[in-house]
Amino acid sequence: MRSRTLSDLPGRCPKCWIRTEHCICAEVPRVETRTEVVVVRHEREGWKSTGTARVAMLALSNARLVDYSDDGAACDAALKGLAEGAAVLFPETGVEPQPLAAPPKRLIVLDGTWRQTRRMMKRLPSLAGVPRLVLPEKAAAPLRLRESDDPLGRSTLEAIADALEVVEGEAASRPLQALHDLFVERVFRARGVWSAKSRVLASPAQDP
């Protein structure tokens, strides 16, 4: 697979996994939030260089990472003490976003493909009764490394930023959105395709 990265990271930064000449680590902001962000990462996302959860964890001071394997048992055990007062960020097509009864003290984010995250929800009974935060469709999508045909599709970093905007406001969201744009740009620069990608991104604004 193109985005699969070897464990010894030849020529890559060991933190952001971008090629060293395009590393973003010195430019990653430190984002302080009231809400704890818990990223539940599917094991297959862990070795993808395009995974944005890794970058989110570099920026967020109040965050933790829980890895999910196929049976889900160990992950579910780790989440049992985190469900109270939490909300699960989970995309549901056809479901209108509803305000939460109270701001969550913890945001649980499932990191994986659509199919993986739906399966994860079924195999994590500790999350069954946790309120869900459903984000609305975006009027304009940013440039992404992995495009989605679903209008609710977002990268994990982008989804966390959008969710924090709902829960805490723009001050928490804005630096994460900028970090997402920077990460995408640097990865495309490392691939040698940034000029073409940036022209595609700019073209709608140039239309009369």
N, C-alpha and C. Protein backbone atom coordinates (compact mmCIF):
# COMPACT_ATOMS: atom_id res chain seq x y z
N MET A 1 0.84 -1.19 0.00
CA MET A 1 0.00 0.00 0.00
C MET A 1 0.87 1.24 0.00
N ARG A 2 0.47 2.26 -0.73
CA ARG A 2 1.31 3.43 -0.91
C ARG A 2 1.62 4.14 0.40
N SER A 3 0.60 4.24 1.29
CA SER A 3 0.80 5.02 2.50
C SER A 3 1.37 4.21 3.65
N ARG A 4 1.67 2.93 3.42
CA ARG A 4 2.24 2.13 4.49
C ARG A 4 3.71 2.50 4.69
N THR A 5 4.10 2.65 5.94
CA THR A 5 5.45 3.09 6.27
C THR A 5 6.14 2.02 7.09
N LEU A 6 7.39 1.72 6.74
CA LEU A 6 8.14 0.72 7.47
C LEU A 6 8.43 1.19 8.89
N SER A 7 8.56 0.24 9.81
CA SER A 7 8.69 0.57 11.22
C SER A 7 9.97 1.33 11.54
N ASP A 8 11.04 1.17 10.74
CA ASP A 8 12.28 1.87 11.04
C ASP A 8 12.34 3.26 10.42
N LEU A 9 11.29 3.68 9.69
CA LEU A 9 11.14 5.03 9.17
C LEU A 9 12.38 5.54 8.42
N PRO A 10 12.85 4.85 7.42
CA PRO A 10 14.03 5.33 6.70
C PRO A 10 13.77 6.69 6.05
N GLY A 11 14.58 7.69 6.40
CA GLY A 11 14.46 9.01 5.82
C GLY A 11 13.28 9.82 6.30
N ARG A 12 12.62 9.36 7.36
CA ARG A 12 11.44 10.05 7.86
C ARG A 12 11.61 10.48 9.31
N CYS A 13 10.90 11.54 9.69
CA CYS A 13 10.89 11.97 11.08
C CYS A 13 10.17 10.92 11.91
N PRO A 14 10.72 10.50 13.05
CA PRO A 14 10.08 9.47 13.86
C PRO A 14 8.82 9.95 14.59
N LYS A 15 8.55 11.25 14.57
CA LYS A 15 7.35 11.76 15.24
C LYS A 15 6.20 12.01 14.26
N CYS A 16 6.45 12.82 13.24
CA CYS A 16 5.37 13.14 12.30
C CYS A 16 5.32 12.18 11.11
N TRP A 17 6.39 11.41 10.90
CA TRP A 17 6.49 10.42 9.83
C TRP A 17 6.59 11.03 8.44
N ILE A 18 6.79 12.33 8.35
CA ILE A 18 7.02 12.96 7.05
C ILE A 18 8.51 12.88 6.76
N ARG A 19 8.88 12.88 5.49
CA ARG A 19 10.30 12.86 5.14
C ARG A 19 11.01 14.02 5.82
N THR A 20 12.20 13.75 6.31
CA THR A 20 12.87 14.67 7.22
C THR A 20 13.01 16.09 6.65
N GLU A 21 13.22 16.23 5.35
CA GLU A 21 13.38 17.56 4.78
C GLU A 21 12.09 18.37 4.78
N HIS A 22 10.95 17.70 5.04
CA HIS A 22 9.66 18.38 5.09
C HIS A 22 9.00 18.27 6.47
N CYS A 23 9.75 17.86 7.48
CA CYS A 23 9.22 17.65 8.83
C CYS A 23 8.48 18.88 9.34
N ILE A 24 7.36 18.66 10.03
CA ILE A 24 6.56 19.77 10.56
C ILE A 24 6.70 19.95 12.07
N CYS A 25 7.48 19.11 12.72
CA CYS A 25 7.47 19.08 14.19
C CYS A 25 7.78 20.43 14.83
N ALA A 26 8.69 21.19 14.25
CA ALA A 26 9.05 22.49 14.82
C ALA A 26 7.91 23.50 14.71
N GLU A 27 6.92 23.20 13.87
CA GLU A 27 5.81 24.13 13.63
C GLU A 27 4.49 23.65 14.23
N VAL A 28 4.52 22.54 14.93
CA VAL A 28 3.29 22.03 15.54
C VAL A 28 2.93 22.89 16.75
N PRO A 29 1.70 23.45 16.79
CA PRO A 29 1.30 24.28 17.92
C PRO A 29 0.98 23.42 19.15
N ARG A 30 1.04 24.03 20.30
CA ARG A 30 0.60 23.36 21.53
C ARG A 30 -0.80 23.85 21.81
N VAL A 31 -1.77 22.97 21.73
CA VAL A 31 -3.18 23.35 21.86
C VAL A 31 -3.72 22.87 23.19
N GLU A 32 -4.08 23.83 24.03
CA GLU A 32 -4.64 23.52 25.35
C GLU A 32 -6.16 23.49 25.24
N THR A 33 -6.78 22.42 25.74
CA THR A 33 -8.23 22.31 25.70
C THR A 33 -8.77 21.88 27.06
N ARG A 34 -9.99 22.31 27.34
CA ARG A 34 -10.68 21.83 28.54
C ARG A 34 -11.07 20.37 28.36
N THR A 35 -11.44 20.03 27.14
CA THR A 35 -11.94 18.70 26.82
C THR A 35 -10.78 17.75 26.56
N GLU A 36 -10.78 16.62 27.25
CA GLU A 36 -9.78 15.60 26.95
C GLU A 36 -10.17 14.89 25.66
N VAL A 37 -9.22 14.69 24.78
CA VAL A 37 -9.46 13.98 23.52
C VAL A 37 -8.83 12.59 23.63
N VAL A 38 -9.66 11.57 23.46
CA VAL A 38 -9.20 10.19 23.49
C VAL A 38 -9.35 9.62 22.08
N VAL A 39 -8.24 9.33 21.45
CA VAL A 39 -8.26 8.77 20.09
C VAL A 39 -8.15 7.26 20.19
N VAL A 40 -9.16 6.58 19.67
CA VAL A 40 -9.16 5.11 19.62
C VAL A 40 -8.75 4.73 18.20
N ARG A 41 -7.51 4.33 18.05
CA ARG A 41 -6.93 4.12 16.72
C ARG A 41 -6.95 2.66 16.32
N HIS A 42 -7.58 2.39 15.19
CA HIS A 42 -7.56 1.03 14.64
C HIS A 42 -6.12 0.66 14.32
N GLU A 43 -5.76 -0.58 14.59
CA GLU A 43 -4.37 -1.01 14.44
C GLU A 43 -3.84 -0.80 13.02
N ARG A 44 -4.71 -0.84 12.03
CA ARG A 44 -4.24 -0.65 10.65
C ARG A 44 -3.94 0.81 10.33
N GLU A 45 -4.43 1.73 11.16
CA GLU A 45 -4.10 3.14 10.96
C GLU A 45 -2.71 3.47 11.50
N GLY A 46 -2.23 2.65 12.42
CA GLY A 46 -0.98 2.94 13.10
C GLY A 46 0.23 2.97 12.18
N TRP A 47 0.19 2.22 11.07
CA TRP A 47 1.35 2.20 10.17
C TRP A 47 1.14 2.99 8.88
N LYS A 48 0.08 3.80 8.83
CA LYS A 48 -0.16 4.61 7.63
C LYS A 48 0.47 5.99 7.80
N SER A 49 1.31 6.35 6.87
CA SER A 49 1.97 7.66 6.95
C SER A 49 0.99 8.80 6.75
N THR A 50 -0.18 8.53 6.18
CA THR A 50 -1.19 9.56 5.97
C THR A 50 -2.11 9.72 7.18
N GLY A 51 -1.90 8.94 8.23
CA GLY A 51 -2.74 9.03 9.41
C GLY A 51 -2.56 10.36 10.13
N THR A 52 -3.65 11.09 10.34
CA THR A 52 -3.55 12.40 10.97
C THR A 52 -3.72 12.36 12.49
N ALA A 53 -4.15 11.23 13.04
CA ALA A 53 -4.27 11.13 14.49
C ALA A 53 -2.91 11.32 15.15
N ARG A 54 -1.87 10.81 14.51
CA ARG A 54 -0.50 10.94 15.03
C ARG A 54 -0.14 12.42 15.20
N VAL A 55 -0.52 13.23 14.22
CA VAL A 55 -0.21 14.66 14.26
C VAL A 55 -1.07 15.36 15.31
N ALA A 56 -2.33 14.94 15.44
CA ALA A 56 -3.19 15.53 16.47
C ALA A 56 -2.60 15.31 17.86
N MET A 57 -2.05 14.13 18.09
CA MET A 57 -1.48 13.83 19.39
C MET A 57 -0.24 14.67 19.69
N LEU A 58 0.48 15.09 18.65
CA LEU A 58 1.63 15.97 18.85
C LEU A 58 1.19 17.34 19.33
N ALA A 59 0.01 17.78 18.92
CA ALA A 59 -0.45 19.14 19.22
C ALA A 59 -1.26 19.24 20.51
N LEU A 60 -2.07 18.25 20.80
CA LEU A 60 -3.01 18.35 21.91
C LEU A 60 -2.34 18.02 23.24
N SER A 61 -2.44 18.93 24.19
CA SER A 61 -1.83 18.70 25.50
C SER A 61 -2.69 17.79 26.37
N ASN A 62 -4.02 17.80 26.13
CA ASN A 62 -4.96 17.03 26.94
C ASN A 62 -5.54 15.91 26.09
N ALA A 63 -4.71 14.92 25.81
CA ALA A 63 -5.12 13.85 24.90
C ALA A 63 -4.43 12.55 25.25
N ARG A 64 -5.05 11.46 24.86
CA ARG A 64 -4.43 10.14 25.02
C ARG A 64 -4.81 9.26 23.83
N LEU A 65 -3.98 8.28 23.58
CA LEU A 65 -4.18 7.36 22.46
C LEU A 65 -4.42 5.96 22.99
N VAL A 66 -5.49 5.33 22.50
CA VAL A 66 -5.82 3.94 22.85
C VAL A 66 -5.84 3.14 21.55
N ASP A 67 -5.03 2.12 21.46
CA ASP A 67 -4.98 1.32 20.24
C ASP A 67 -6.03 0.21 20.27
N TYR A 68 -6.64 -0.01 19.12
CA TYR A 68 -7.69 -1.01 18.96
C TYR A 68 -7.17 -2.13 18.08
N SER A 69 -7.28 -3.37 18.58
CA SER A 69 -6.96 -4.55 17.76
C SER A 69 -8.26 -5.23 17.37
N ASP A 70 -8.19 -6.25 16.53
CA ASP A 70 -9.39 -6.81 15.92
C ASP A 70 -10.45 -7.31 16.89
N ASP A 71 -10.07 -7.90 18.02
CA ASP A 71 -11.11 -8.41 18.92
C ASP A 71 -11.71 -7.30 19.79
N GLY A 72 -10.98 -6.23 20.02
CA GLY A 72 -11.50 -5.09 20.76
C GLY A 72 -11.53 -5.23 22.26
N ALA A 73 -11.22 -6.40 22.80
CA ALA A 73 -11.39 -6.64 24.24
C ALA A 73 -10.50 -5.75 25.10
N ALA A 74 -9.22 -5.69 24.77
CA ALA A 74 -8.29 -4.88 25.56
C ALA A 74 -8.65 -3.40 25.46
N CYS A 75 -9.02 -2.98 24.27
CA CYS A 75 -9.40 -1.59 24.07
C CYS A 75 -10.66 -1.25 24.87
N ASP A 76 -11.65 -2.14 24.84
CA ASP A 76 -12.89 -1.91 25.58
C ASP A 76 -12.62 -1.79 27.07
N ALA A 77 -11.73 -2.63 27.58
CA ALA A 77 -11.38 -2.57 29.00
C ALA A 77 -10.74 -1.23 29.35
N ALA A 78 -9.91 -0.70 28.44
CA ALA A 78 -9.25 0.58 28.68
C ALA A 78 -10.24 1.74 28.65
N LEU A 79 -11.33 1.58 27.91
CA LEU A 79 -12.30 2.67 27.76
C LEU A 79 -13.37 2.68 28.85
N LYS A 80 -13.50 1.63 29.61
CA LYS A 80 -14.59 1.54 30.57
C LYS A 80 -14.59 2.67 31.59
N GLY A 81 -13.42 3.09 32.00
CA GLY A 81 -13.36 4.18 32.97
C GLY A 81 -13.42 5.56 32.35
N LEU A 82 -13.56 5.63 31.03
CA LEU A 82 -13.53 6.92 30.34
C LEU A 82 -14.88 7.33 29.78
N ALA A 83 -15.89 6.46 29.90
CA ALA A 83 -17.17 6.72 29.25
C ALA A 83 -18.01 7.78 29.98
N GLU A 84 -17.89 7.86 31.29
CA GLU A 84 -18.72 8.81 32.04
C GLU A 84 -18.37 10.24 31.67
N GLY A 85 -19.38 11.01 31.33
CA GLY A 85 -19.18 12.40 30.98
C GLY A 85 -18.58 12.61 29.61
N ALA A 86 -18.53 11.56 28.80
CA ALA A 86 -17.89 11.64 27.49
C ALA A 86 -18.92 11.76 26.37
N ALA A 87 -18.43 12.07 25.19
CA ALA A 87 -19.21 12.00 23.96
C ALA A 87 -18.35 11.30 22.92
N VAL A 88 -18.99 10.51 22.07
CA VAL A 88 -18.28 9.81 21.01
C VAL A 88 -18.47 10.57 19.70
N LEU A 89 -17.38 10.95 19.10
CA LEU A 89 -17.43 11.59 17.78
C LEU A 89 -17.57 10.48 16.75
N PHE A 90 -18.75 10.40 16.14
CA PHE A 90 -19.02 9.28 15.26
C PHE A 90 -19.89 9.75 14.09
N PRO A 91 -19.43 9.59 12.86
CA PRO A 91 -20.20 10.07 11.70
C PRO A 91 -21.38 9.15 11.40
N GLU A 92 -22.55 9.74 11.25
CA GLU A 92 -23.74 8.96 10.91
C GLU A 92 -24.48 9.67 9.78
N THR A 93 -24.38 9.13 8.59
CA THR A 93 -25.05 9.71 7.44
C THR A 93 -26.57 9.64 7.63
N GLY A 94 -27.25 10.76 7.35
CA GLY A 94 -28.70 10.79 7.46
C GLY A 94 -29.21 11.14 8.84
N VAL A 95 -28.32 11.37 9.81
CA VAL A 95 -28.71 11.74 11.16
C VAL A 95 -28.42 13.21 11.37
N GLU A 96 -29.44 13.98 11.74
CA GLU A 96 -29.25 15.40 11.97
C GLU A 96 -28.45 15.63 13.24
N PRO A 97 -27.45 16.52 13.20
CA PRO A 97 -26.70 16.83 14.42
C PRO A 97 -27.62 17.38 15.50
N GLN A 98 -27.44 16.91 16.72
CA GLN A 98 -28.23 17.36 17.85
C GLN A 98 -27.31 17.91 18.93
N PRO A 99 -27.72 19.00 19.61
CA PRO A 99 -26.87 19.53 20.68
C PRO A 99 -26.77 18.54 21.84
N LEU A 100 -25.62 18.47 22.45
CA LEU A 100 -25.44 17.62 23.62
C LEU A 100 -26.09 18.28 24.83
N ALA A 101 -26.52 17.45 25.78
CA ALA A 101 -27.17 17.98 26.99
C ALA A 101 -26.22 18.88 27.78
N ALA A 102 -24.96 18.54 27.77
CA ALA A 102 -23.94 19.33 28.46
C ALA A 102 -22.62 19.15 27.74
N PRO A 103 -21.73 20.15 27.81
CA PRO A 103 -20.42 19.96 27.17
C PRO A 103 -19.71 18.75 27.76
N PRO A 104 -19.20 17.87 26.92
CA PRO A 104 -18.51 16.69 27.45
C PRO A 104 -17.17 17.06 28.07
N LYS A 105 -16.78 16.30 29.07
CA LYS A 105 -15.44 16.51 29.62
C LYS A 105 -14.41 15.70 28.84
N ARG A 106 -14.91 14.81 27.99
CA ARG A 106 -14.01 13.94 27.23
C ARG A 106 -14.64 13.66 25.86
N LEU A 107 -13.83 13.72 24.82
CA LEU A 107 -14.28 13.44 23.46
C LEU A 107 -13.57 12.19 22.98
N ILE A 108 -14.33 11.14 22.69
CA ILE A 108 -13.76 9.88 22.24
C ILE A 108 -13.89 9.82 20.72
N VAL A 109 -12.76 9.68 20.05
CA VAL A 109 -12.70 9.76 18.58
C VAL A 109 -12.23 8.43 18.03
N LEU A 110 -13.04 7.82 17.17
CA LEU A 110 -12.66 6.56 16.53
C LEU A 110 -11.88 6.87 15.26
N ASP A 111 -10.69 6.30 15.15
CA ASP A 111 -9.78 6.58 14.04
C ASP A 111 -9.66 5.35 13.16
N GLY A 112 -10.23 5.45 11.96
CA GLY A 112 -10.19 4.34 11.01
C GLY A 112 -11.05 4.67 9.81
N THR A 113 -11.20 3.71 8.90
CA THR A 113 -12.09 3.90 7.76
C THR A 113 -13.53 3.80 8.23
N TRP A 114 -14.47 4.17 7.34
CA TRP A 114 -15.88 4.05 7.69
C TRP A 114 -16.21 2.64 8.17
N ARG A 115 -15.79 1.65 7.41
CA ARG A 115 -16.11 0.27 7.75
C ARG A 115 -15.47 -0.13 9.08
N GLN A 116 -14.23 0.28 9.28
CA GLN A 116 -13.53 -0.06 10.52
C GLN A 116 -14.20 0.57 11.74
N THR A 117 -14.57 1.85 11.63
CA THR A 117 -15.14 2.52 12.80
C THR A 117 -16.53 1.97 13.14
N ARG A 118 -17.30 1.61 12.15
CA ARG A 118 -18.61 1.02 12.44
C ARG A 118 -18.44 -0.32 13.15
N ARG A 119 -17.45 -1.10 12.71
CA ARG A 119 -17.18 -2.37 13.37
C ARG A 119 -16.65 -2.15 14.79
N MET A 120 -15.83 -1.13 14.95
CA MET A 120 -15.30 -0.81 16.27
C MET A 120 -16.42 -0.48 17.26
N MET A 121 -17.40 0.31 16.82
CA MET A 121 -18.51 0.66 17.70
C MET A 121 -19.25 -0.58 18.18
N LYS A 122 -19.41 -1.55 17.28
CA LYS A 122 -20.13 -2.77 17.65
C LYS A 122 -19.33 -3.62 18.64
N ARG A 123 -18.01 -3.51 18.58
CA ARG A 123 -17.16 -4.36 19.42
C ARG A 123 -16.63 -3.64 20.66
N LEU A 124 -17.16 -2.45 20.92
CA LEU A 124 -16.77 -1.70 22.11
C LEU A 124 -18.02 -1.40 22.93
N PRO A 125 -18.53 -2.39 23.67
CA PRO A 125 -19.78 -2.20 24.42
C PRO A 125 -19.71 -1.09 25.46
N SER A 126 -18.52 -0.72 25.90
CA SER A 126 -18.40 0.36 26.88
C SER A 126 -18.85 1.70 26.30
N LEU A 127 -18.93 1.79 24.97
CA LEU A 127 -19.35 3.04 24.34
C LEU A 127 -20.83 3.04 23.96
N ALA A 128 -21.54 1.94 24.22
CA ALA A 128 -22.91 1.79 23.74
C ALA A 128 -23.84 2.89 24.25
N GLY A 129 -23.68 3.30 25.50
CA GLY A 129 -24.58 4.31 26.05
C GLY A 129 -24.03 5.71 26.06
N VAL A 130 -22.90 5.91 25.43
CA VAL A 130 -22.27 7.23 25.43
C VAL A 130 -22.91 8.11 24.36
N PRO A 131 -23.29 9.35 24.69
CA PRO A 131 -23.88 10.24 23.68
C PRO A 131 -22.95 10.43 22.49
N ARG A 132 -23.55 10.58 21.31
CA ARG A 132 -22.76 10.76 20.09
C ARG A 132 -22.80 12.20 19.62
N LEU A 133 -21.64 12.67 19.23
CA LEU A 133 -21.53 14.00 18.62
C LEU A 133 -21.44 13.80 17.12
N VAL A 134 -22.46 14.22 16.40
CA VAL A 134 -22.51 14.10 14.95
C VAL A 134 -22.25 15.48 14.37
N LEU A 135 -21.25 15.59 13.53
CA LEU A 135 -20.90 16.88 12.93
C LEU A 135 -21.72 17.13 11.67
N PRO A 136 -22.04 18.38 11.40
CA PRO A 136 -22.77 18.69 10.16
C PRO A 136 -21.86 18.60 8.94
N GLU A 137 -22.48 18.58 7.77
CA GLU A 137 -21.70 18.62 6.54
C GLU A 137 -20.97 19.96 6.46
N LYS A 138 -19.81 19.96 5.78
CA LYS A 138 -19.04 21.18 5.63
C LYS A 138 -19.41 21.88 4.32
N ALA A 139 -19.50 23.20 4.39
CA ALA A 139 -19.82 23.96 3.19
C ALA A 139 -18.70 23.87 2.17
N ALA A 140 -17.46 23.85 2.66
CA ALA A 140 -16.30 23.73 1.77
C ALA A 140 -15.26 22.85 2.44
N ALA A 141 -14.82 21.84 1.73
CA ALA A 141 -13.85 20.90 2.30
C ALA A 141 -12.43 21.37 2.03
N PRO A 142 -11.52 21.19 2.99
CA PRO A 142 -10.11 21.50 2.74
C PRO A 142 -9.47 20.42 1.88
N LEU A 143 -8.29 20.69 1.41
CA LEU A 143 -7.53 19.67 0.69
C LEU A 143 -7.15 18.57 1.68
N ARG A 144 -7.36 17.32 1.28
CA ARG A 144 -7.09 16.19 2.16
C ARG A 144 -6.17 15.20 1.47
N LEU A 145 -5.51 14.38 2.26
CA LEU A 145 -4.66 13.33 1.71
C LEU A 145 -5.50 12.16 1.21
N ARG A 146 -6.60 11.90 1.88
CA ARG A 146 -7.51 10.82 1.48
C ARG A 146 -8.89 11.43 1.29
N GLU A 147 -9.33 11.48 0.06
CA GLU A 147 -10.63 12.06 -0.22
C GLU A 147 -11.74 11.05 0.06
N SER A 148 -12.92 11.57 0.36
CA SER A 148 -14.08 10.73 0.65
C SER A 148 -15.26 11.20 -0.17
N ASP A 149 -16.05 10.25 -0.67
CA ASP A 149 -17.27 10.60 -1.39
C ASP A 149 -18.40 10.94 -0.44
N ASP A 150 -18.27 10.57 0.82
CA ASP A 150 -19.31 10.85 1.80
C ASP A 150 -19.20 12.30 2.25
N PRO A 151 -20.30 13.05 2.27
CA PRO A 151 -20.24 14.46 2.67
C PRO A 151 -19.80 14.66 4.12
N LEU A 152 -19.89 13.62 4.93
CA LEU A 152 -19.44 13.72 6.31
C LEU A 152 -17.98 13.30 6.48
N GLY A 153 -17.36 12.86 5.39
CA GLY A 153 -15.99 12.38 5.47
C GLY A 153 -15.02 13.47 5.89
N ARG A 154 -14.13 13.13 6.82
CA ARG A 154 -13.10 14.04 7.31
C ARG A 154 -11.90 13.21 7.73
N SER A 155 -10.73 13.82 7.71
CA SER A 155 -9.60 13.18 8.35
C SER A 155 -9.80 13.26 9.86
N THR A 156 -9.07 12.45 10.61
CA THR A 156 -9.24 12.44 12.07
C THR A 156 -8.85 13.78 12.68
N LEU A 157 -7.75 14.36 12.25
CA LEU A 157 -7.34 15.66 12.77
C LEU A 157 -8.38 16.73 12.46
N GLU A 158 -8.88 16.71 11.25
CA GLU A 158 -9.91 17.67 10.85
C GLU A 158 -11.18 17.48 11.67
N ALA A 159 -11.57 16.23 11.90
CA ALA A 159 -12.77 15.94 12.69
C ALA A 159 -12.62 16.41 14.14
N ILE A 160 -11.43 16.20 14.71
CA ILE A 160 -11.19 16.66 16.07
C ILE A 160 -11.30 18.18 16.13
N ALA A 161 -10.72 18.86 15.15
CA ALA A 161 -10.78 20.33 15.11
C ALA A 161 -12.23 20.81 15.01
N ASP A 162 -13.01 20.18 14.14
CA ASP A 162 -14.41 20.58 13.97
C ASP A 162 -15.21 20.30 15.23
N ALA A 163 -14.95 19.18 15.88
CA ALA A 163 -15.67 18.83 17.11
C ALA A 163 -15.33 19.80 18.24
N LEU A 164 -14.06 20.15 18.36
CA LEU A 164 -13.67 21.09 19.40
C LEU A 164 -14.24 22.48 19.15
N GLU A 165 -14.45 22.83 17.89
CA GLU A 165 -15.11 24.10 17.60
C GLU A 165 -16.54 24.09 18.13
N VAL A 166 -17.22 22.96 17.99
CA VAL A 166 -18.58 22.83 18.51
C VAL A 166 -18.58 22.89 20.03
N VAL A 167 -17.64 22.22 20.65
CA VAL A 167 -17.63 22.08 22.11
C VAL A 167 -17.01 23.29 22.81
N GLU A 168 -15.92 23.84 22.23
CA GLU A 168 -15.18 24.90 22.92
C GLU A 168 -15.07 26.20 22.15
N GLY A 169 -15.29 26.18 20.84
CA GLY A 169 -15.19 27.39 20.05
C GLY A 169 -13.96 27.42 19.17
N GLU A 170 -13.81 28.52 18.43
CA GLU A 170 -12.77 28.61 17.41
C GLU A 170 -11.35 28.65 17.96
N ALA A 171 -11.18 29.11 19.19
CA ALA A 171 -9.83 29.22 19.74
C ALA A 171 -9.15 27.85 19.82
N ALA A 172 -9.92 26.80 20.10
CA ALA A 172 -9.37 25.45 20.14
C ALA A 172 -9.25 24.85 18.75
N SER A 173 -10.16 25.23 17.87
CA SER A 173 -10.22 24.63 16.54
C SER A 173 -9.21 25.20 15.56
N ARG A 174 -9.05 26.51 15.57
CA ARG A 174 -8.29 27.19 14.52
C ARG A 174 -6.85 26.67 14.36
N PRO A 175 -6.08 26.51 15.46
CA PRO A 175 -4.71 26.01 15.26
C PRO A 175 -4.65 24.58 14.74
N LEU A 176 -5.66 23.77 15.05
CA LEU A 176 -5.69 22.40 14.55
C LEU A 176 -6.04 22.37 13.06
N GLN A 177 -6.94 23.27 12.65
CA GLN A 177 -7.25 23.35 11.22
C GLN A 177 -6.01 23.78 10.43
N ALA A 178 -5.27 24.75 10.98
CA ALA A 178 -4.05 25.21 10.31
C ALA A 178 -3.01 24.09 10.26
N LEU A 179 -2.93 23.30 11.34
CA LEU A 179 -2.00 22.18 11.37
C LEU A 179 -2.37 21.13 10.33
N HIS A 180 -3.65 20.88 10.17
CA HIS A 180 -4.10 19.94 9.14
C HIS A 180 -3.66 20.40 7.76
N ASP A 181 -3.85 21.70 7.47
CA ASP A 181 -3.45 22.23 6.17
C ASP A 181 -1.94 22.10 5.96
N LEU A 182 -1.18 22.38 7.02
CA LEU A 182 0.28 22.29 6.94
C LEU A 182 0.72 20.85 6.69
N PHE A 183 0.13 19.91 7.41
CA PHE A 183 0.48 18.49 7.25
C PHE A 183 0.22 18.02 5.83
N VAL A 184 -0.96 18.36 5.31
CA VAL A 184 -1.31 17.96 3.95
C VAL A 184 -0.33 18.56 2.94
N GLU A 185 -0.04 19.83 3.11
CA GLU A 185 0.90 20.48 2.19
C GLU A 185 2.27 19.80 2.21
N ARG A 186 2.81 19.54 3.41
CA ARG A 186 4.15 18.97 3.50
C ARG A 186 4.20 17.55 2.93
N VAL A 187 3.16 16.77 3.16
CA VAL A 187 3.14 15.41 2.60
C VAL A 187 3.12 15.48 1.08
N PHE A 188 2.30 16.38 0.53
CA PHE A 188 2.25 16.52 -0.93
C PHE A 188 3.57 17.07 -1.48
N ARG A 189 4.21 17.96 -0.73
CA ARG A 189 5.53 18.44 -1.16
C ARG A 189 6.53 17.29 -1.17
N ALA A 190 6.48 16.46 -0.15
CA ALA A 190 7.39 15.32 -0.08
C ALA A 190 7.17 14.36 -1.24
N ARG A 191 5.95 14.29 -1.74
CA ARG A 191 5.64 13.43 -2.88
C ARG A 191 5.91 14.11 -4.22
N GLY A 192 6.22 15.42 -4.17
CA GLY A 192 6.50 16.16 -5.39
C GLY A 192 5.27 16.54 -6.18
N VAL A 193 4.09 16.59 -5.52
CA VAL A 193 2.85 16.89 -6.25
C VAL A 193 2.16 18.14 -5.73
N TRP A 194 2.84 18.91 -4.85
CA TRP A 194 2.17 20.05 -4.23
C TRP A 194 1.74 21.09 -5.25
N SER A 195 2.54 21.39 -6.26
CA SER A 195 2.18 22.41 -7.24
C SER A 195 0.86 22.07 -7.93
N ALA A 196 0.71 20.82 -8.33
CA ALA A 196 -0.52 20.40 -8.99
C ALA A 196 -1.70 20.44 -8.03
N LYS A 197 -1.49 19.98 -6.80
CA LYS A 197 -2.57 19.96 -5.81
C LYS A 197 -3.00 21.37 -5.44
N SER A 198 -2.05 22.27 -5.27
CA SER A 198 -2.39 23.63 -4.87
C SER A 198 -3.14 24.36 -5.98
N ARG A 199 -2.83 24.05 -7.24
CA ARG A 199 -3.56 24.66 -8.35
C ARG A 199 -5.01 24.20 -8.35
N VAL A 200 -5.22 22.92 -8.08
CA VAL A 200 -6.59 22.39 -8.01
C VAL A 200 -7.34 23.04 -6.86
N LEU A 201 -6.68 23.25 -5.73
CA LEU A 201 -7.30 23.85 -4.56
C LEU A 201 -7.67 25.30 -4.84
N ALA A 202 -6.81 26.02 -5.56
CA ALA A 202 -7.04 27.44 -5.81
C ALA A 202 -8.03 27.69 -6.94
N SER A 203 -8.24 26.74 -7.83
CA SER A 203 -9.02 26.98 -9.04
C SER A 203 -10.46 27.41 -8.79
N PRO A 204 -11.22 26.89 -7.80
CA PRO A 204 -12.58 27.37 -7.61
C PRO A 204 -12.65 28.86 -7.31
N ALA A 205 -11.67 29.37 -6.52
CA ALA A 205 -11.68 30.78 -6.15
C ALA A 205 -11.38 31.69 -7.33
N GLN A 206 -10.78 31.12 -8.39
CA GLN A 206 -10.43 31.92 -9.55
C GLN A 206 -11.54 31.97 -10.59
N ASP A 207 -12.56 31.16 -10.39
CA ASP A 207 -13.67 31.16 -11.35
C ASP A 207 -14.44 32.46 -11.24
N PRO A 208 -14.93 33.01 -12.32
CA PRO A 208 -15.71 34.26 -12.25
C PRO A 208 -17.06 34.01 -11.61
